[in-house]
Amino acid sequence: MYRSIAIILAIMALTFLAGPWGPWWMIAPFAAVICFLVRSRPLLAFSQGLIAGFLLWGGLAFFQDRANDHILSSQIGALFQGLSPFVVVLMTGVIGGLSGGFGALTGAYLRELFQQRK
């Protein structure tokens, strides 16, 4: 339990710190490296990356959206047939979660692949 929380926090911290300099998908390689280095089953690794990505991206999107009084999310929502700002922020969190989840899953599968070859 504590190990999972530590992995989630590590993914979130590294991605947050690299955010200003890296591309939007930086969460995937960080999650892959962390789940490669730390022994984790693939399904657990996916859920750890999913939670980390959802919390980080969703949280950042929520605070940015709240700071600008929902202007950008309202405009983006209008492009997609009138989605509410809440749904746009939720979709942002889901995209971040899936990016982190699949990155972590990749790292866990690579670790299993290298362990089988020994």
C-alpha atoms as a PDB file:
ATOM      1  CA  MET A   1       0.000   0.000   0.000  1.00  0.00           C
ATOM      2  CA  TYR A   2       2.674   2.473   1.029  1.00  0.00           C
ATOM      3  CA  ARG A   3       4.838   1.369  -1.857  1.00  0.00           C
ATOM      4  CA  SER A   4       2.033   2.119  -4.320  1.00  0.00           C
ATOM      5  CA  ILE A   5       1.536   5.563  -2.814  1.00  0.00           C
ATOM      6  CA  ALA A   6       5.276   6.193  -3.042  1.00  0.00           C
ATOM      7  CA  ILE A   7       5.299   5.177  -6.720  1.00  0.00           C
ATOM      8  CA  ILE A   8       2.304   7.418  -7.470  1.00  0.00           C
ATOM      9  CA  LEU A   9       3.936  10.358  -5.700  1.00  0.00           C
ATOM     10  CA  ALA A  10       7.259   9.751  -7.465  1.00  0.00           C
ATOM     11  CA  ILE A  11       5.600   9.748 -10.886  1.00  0.00           C
ATOM     12  CA  MET A  12       3.682  12.900 -10.033  1.00  0.00           C
ATOM     13  CA  ALA A  13       6.720  14.710  -8.617  1.00  0.00           C
ATOM     14  CA  LEU A  14       9.047  13.920 -11.512  1.00  0.00           C
ATOM     15  CA  THR A  15       6.443  14.852 -14.089  1.00  0.00           C
ATOM     16  CA  PHE A  16       5.544  18.067 -12.291  1.00  0.00           C
ATOM     17  CA  LEU A  17       9.189  19.103 -12.001  1.00  0.00           C
ATOM     18  CA  ALA A  18       9.923  18.344 -15.669  1.00  0.00           C
ATOM     19  CA  GLY A  19       6.674  19.925 -16.868  1.00  0.00           C
ATOM     20  CA  PRO A  20       7.983  23.384 -17.758  1.00  0.00           C
ATOM     21  CA  TRP A  21      10.745  21.953 -19.953  1.00  0.00           C
ATOM     22  CA  GLY A  22       9.289  18.780 -21.408  1.00  0.00           C
ATOM     23  CA  PRO A  23       6.452  17.947 -23.769  1.00  0.00           C
ATOM     24  CA  TRP A  24       2.942  17.084 -22.611  1.00  0.00           C
ATOM     25  CA  TRP A  25       3.565  13.338 -22.742  1.00  0.00           C
ATOM     26  CA  MET A  26       6.513  13.370 -20.284  1.00  0.00           C
ATOM     27  CA  ILE A  27       4.468  11.411 -17.767  1.00  0.00           C
ATOM     28  CA  ALA A  28       4.705   8.235 -19.882  1.00  0.00           C
ATOM     29  CA  PRO A  29       8.516   7.874 -19.863  1.00  0.00           C
ATOM     30  CA  PHE A  30       8.748   8.794 -16.179  1.00  0.00           C
ATOM     31  CA  ALA A  31       6.088   6.250 -15.276  1.00  0.00           C
ATOM     32  CA  ALA A  32       7.812   3.641 -17.446  1.00  0.00           C
ATOM     33  CA  VAL A  33      11.207   4.197 -15.829  1.00  0.00           C
ATOM     34  CA  ILE A  34       9.820   4.165 -12.293  1.00  0.00           C
ATOM     35  CA  CYS A  35       7.774   1.004 -12.862  1.00  0.00           C
ATOM     36  CA  PHE A  36      10.751  -0.622 -14.576  1.00  0.00           C
ATOM     37  CA  LEU A  37      13.056   0.105 -11.634  1.00  0.00           C
ATOM     38  CA  VAL A  38      10.527  -0.771  -8.940  1.00  0.00           C
ATOM     39  CA  ARG A  39       9.138  -4.289  -9.158  1.00  0.00           C
ATOM     40  CA  SER A  40       5.410  -4.017  -9.768  1.00  0.00           C
ATOM     41  CA  ARG A  41       2.871  -6.311 -11.399  1.00  0.00           C
ATOM     42  CA  PRO A  42       1.566  -4.984 -14.745  1.00  0.00           C
ATOM     43  CA  LEU A  43      -2.030  -4.365 -13.650  1.00  0.00           C
ATOM     44  CA  LEU A  44      -0.875  -2.650 -10.467  1.00  0.00           C
ATOM     45  CA  ALA A  45       1.641  -0.579 -12.431  1.00  0.00           C
ATOM     46  CA  PHE A  46      -1.074   0.507 -14.862  1.00  0.00           C
ATOM     47  CA  SER A  47      -3.339   1.567 -12.012  1.00  0.00           C
ATOM     48  CA  GLN A  48      -0.500   3.462 -10.315  1.00  0.00           C
ATOM     49  CA  GLY A  49       0.309   5.356 -13.513  1.00  0.00           C
ATOM     50  CA  LEU A  50      -3.376   5.963 -14.175  1.00  0.00           C
ATOM     51  CA  ILE A  51      -3.959   7.428 -10.731  1.00  0.00           C
ATOM     52  CA  ALA A  52      -0.798   9.538 -10.863  1.00  0.00           C
ATOM     53  CA  GLY A  53      -1.604  10.932 -14.289  1.00  0.00           C
ATOM     54  CA  PHE A  54      -5.234  11.591 -13.480  1.00  0.00           C
ATOM     55  CA  LEU A  55      -4.452  13.354 -10.219  1.00  0.00           C
ATOM     56  CA  LEU A  56      -1.618  15.417 -11.667  1.00  0.00           C
ATOM     57  CA  TRP A  57      -3.215  16.445 -14.958  1.00  0.00           C
ATOM     58  CA  GLY A  58      -6.704  16.759 -13.536  1.00  0.00           C
ATOM     59  CA  GLY A  59      -5.453  18.778 -10.582  1.00  0.00           C
ATOM     60  CA  LEU A  60      -3.339  21.096 -12.691  1.00  0.00           C
ATOM     61  CA  ALA A  61      -6.164  21.574 -15.177  1.00  0.00           C
ATOM     62  CA  PHE A  62      -8.625  22.261 -12.368  1.00  0.00           C
ATOM     63  CA  PHE A  63      -6.469  24.917 -10.744  1.00  0.00           C
ATOM     64  CA  GLN A  64      -5.601  26.575 -14.060  1.00  0.00           C
ATOM     65  CA  ASP A  65      -9.254  26.523 -15.076  1.00  0.00           C
ATOM     66  CA  ARG A  66     -10.356  28.006 -11.798  1.00  0.00           C
ATOM     67  CA  ALA A  67      -7.680  30.713 -11.981  1.00  0.00           C
ATOM     68  CA  ASN A  68      -8.890  31.986 -15.366  1.00  0.00           C
ATOM     69  CA  ASP A  69     -12.600  31.761 -14.467  1.00  0.00           C
ATOM     70  CA  HIS A  70     -13.304  28.807 -16.819  1.00  0.00           C
ATOM     71  CA  ILE A  71     -12.686  30.885 -19.960  1.00  0.00           C
ATOM     72  CA  LEU A  72     -10.543  28.416 -21.908  1.00  0.00           C
ATOM     73  CA  SER A  73     -12.435  25.298 -20.881  1.00  0.00           C
ATOM     74  CA  SER A  74     -15.716  26.957 -21.875  1.00  0.00           C
ATOM     75  CA  GLN A  75     -14.315  27.747 -25.310  1.00  0.00           C
ATOM     76  CA  ILE A  76     -12.920  24.224 -25.732  1.00  0.00           C
ATOM     77  CA  GLY A  77     -16.251  22.814 -24.570  1.00  0.00           C
ATOM     78  CA  ALA A  78     -18.058  24.906 -27.181  1.00  0.00           C
ATOM     79  CA  LEU A  79     -15.893  23.308 -29.867  1.00  0.00           C
ATOM     80  CA  PHE A  80     -17.106  19.879 -28.766  1.00  0.00           C
ATOM     81  CA  GLN A  81     -20.859  20.546 -28.970  1.00  0.00           C
ATOM     82  CA  GLY A  82     -21.223  22.426 -25.712  1.00  0.00           C
ATOM     83  CA  LEU A  83     -19.388  20.355 -23.110  1.00  0.00           C
ATOM     84  CA  SER A  84     -19.288  21.902 -19.682  1.00  0.00           C
ATOM     85  CA  PRO A  85     -15.977  23.176 -18.264  1.00  0.00           C
ATOM     86  CA  PHE A  86     -16.092  20.387 -15.676  1.00  0.00           C
ATOM     87  CA  VAL A  87     -16.229  17.708 -18.381  1.00  0.00           C
ATOM     88  CA  VAL A  88     -13.331  19.322 -20.250  1.00  0.00           C
ATOM     89  CA  VAL A  89     -11.204  19.278 -17.087  1.00  0.00           C
ATOM     90  CA  LEU A  90     -12.275  15.681 -16.414  1.00  0.00           C
ATOM     91  CA  MET A  91     -11.310  14.655 -19.959  1.00  0.00           C
ATOM     92  CA  THR A  92      -7.910  16.292 -19.437  1.00  0.00           C
ATOM     93  CA  GLY A  93      -7.401  14.182 -16.329  1.00  0.00           C
ATOM     94  CA  VAL A  94      -8.441  11.020 -18.164  1.00  0.00           C
ATOM     95  CA  ILE A  95      -5.961  11.695 -20.992  1.00  0.00           C
ATOM     96  CA  GLY A  96      -3.191  12.270 -18.461  1.00  0.00           C
ATOM     97  CA  GLY A  97      -4.197   9.159 -16.565  1.00  0.00           C
ATOM     98  CA  LEU A  98      -4.154   6.976 -19.651  1.00  0.00           C
ATOM     99  CA  SER A  99      -0.752   8.368 -20.673  1.00  0.00           C
ATOM    100  CA  GLY A 100       0.684   7.583 -17.260  1.00  0.00           C
ATOM    101  CA  GLY A 101      -1.027   4.219 -17.080  1.00  0.00           C
ATOM    102  CA  PHE A 102       0.229   2.973 -20.409  1.00  0.00           C
ATOM    103  CA  GLY A 103       3.717   4.292 -19.671  1.00  0.00           C
ATOM    104  CA  ALA A 104       3.776   2.427 -16.360  1.00  0.00           C
ATOM    105  CA  LEU A 105       2.416  -0.703 -18.019  1.00  0.00           C
ATOM    106  CA  THR A 106       5.202  -0.521 -20.587  1.00  0.00           C
ATOM    107  CA  GLY A 107       7.815  -0.270 -17.847  1.00  0.00           C
ATOM    108  CA  ALA A 108       6.360  -3.241 -15.964  1.00  0.00           C
ATOM    109  CA  TYR A 109       6.236  -5.386 -19.102  1.00  0.00           C
ATOM    110  CA  LEU A 110       9.802  -4.448 -20.030  1.00  0.00           C
ATOM    111  CA  ARG A 111      10.958  -5.505 -16.574  1.00  0.00           C
ATOM    112  CA  GLU A 112       9.206  -8.862 -16.996  1.00  0.00           C
ATOM    113  CA  LEU A 113      10.757  -9.270 -20.425  1.00  0.00           C
ATOM    114  CA  PHE A 114      14.270  -8.659 -19.128  1.00  0.00           C
ATOM    115  CA  GLN A 115      13.717 -10.938 -16.113  1.00  0.00           C
ATOM    116  CA  GLN A 116      12.605 -13.821 -18.371  1.00  0.00           C
ATOM    117  CA  ARG A 117      15.776 -13.595 -20.475  1.00  0.00           C
ATOM    118  CA  LYS A 118      18.079 -14.193 -17.498  1.00  0.00           C
END
